[in-house]
């Protein structure tokens, strides 16, 4: 498909590779998987690249930070195969995922604000049982058991009675899950957020991490803009 799409100028694989700090093999690999358009060959079999290939490589590398390697590769393959609408669909999906991630962040921030100080209903430092915790949250014990099956809470079992015992961290997770459920979040979407709280070591470290989370989302948004600019330039170059 190369010759009628390519503009004047001949480039070697090393010419494309050096500009971006890549290996020549990486450039060849990108062509083989369709990220770059197919190159013409000299009579001796050497690849001949052009400014069009350079534009494709710039577009791909600009798309990766915002969309990820796999999606960026799929976008470029779609463009090079002439399926531009499919490329736009993939881009739309990435933007939709970013928007969903922003909504999730807002939900977490709202849930943290609404939690307020914990109300201690059981002074026993060993933990509380399912009944008192359910009463504190205003839910049924069956709901806590359902949350346990979904991985939202992980109570231990009393070795003598077999009853569930919820320690301070379990109560925290249950309260956060309760707030997110009230916000309309499904259990499968809450579980990863609870996991982040556990990994952070509690709510306070998670609150400190929210600023970084905001920064990462903003970085992705800006990277998507940069990728869109390079992709538009490549589309214009393709004609």
Foldseek 3Di string as FASTA:
>chain_A
DPDVQADDDWDALVRLCVVPVHDSVVLVVLCVLQLFPAFDADPVGGGTDGVLRSLSVQLLVLQCLQQNNVLSSVLSNCVNVVNNVVSVVSLVVSVVVLVVLVVVLVLLVVLVVVLPDDDDPDPPQQADFLVVLCVSLVHDSVVVVVLVVLVQAPFDADPVPRTGGGHPLRSQSVSSVSSSVVVVDDSNVSNVVSVVCVVLPHDVSVVVCSVVVVVSSVVSVVSSVSSVVSVVVSSVSSD
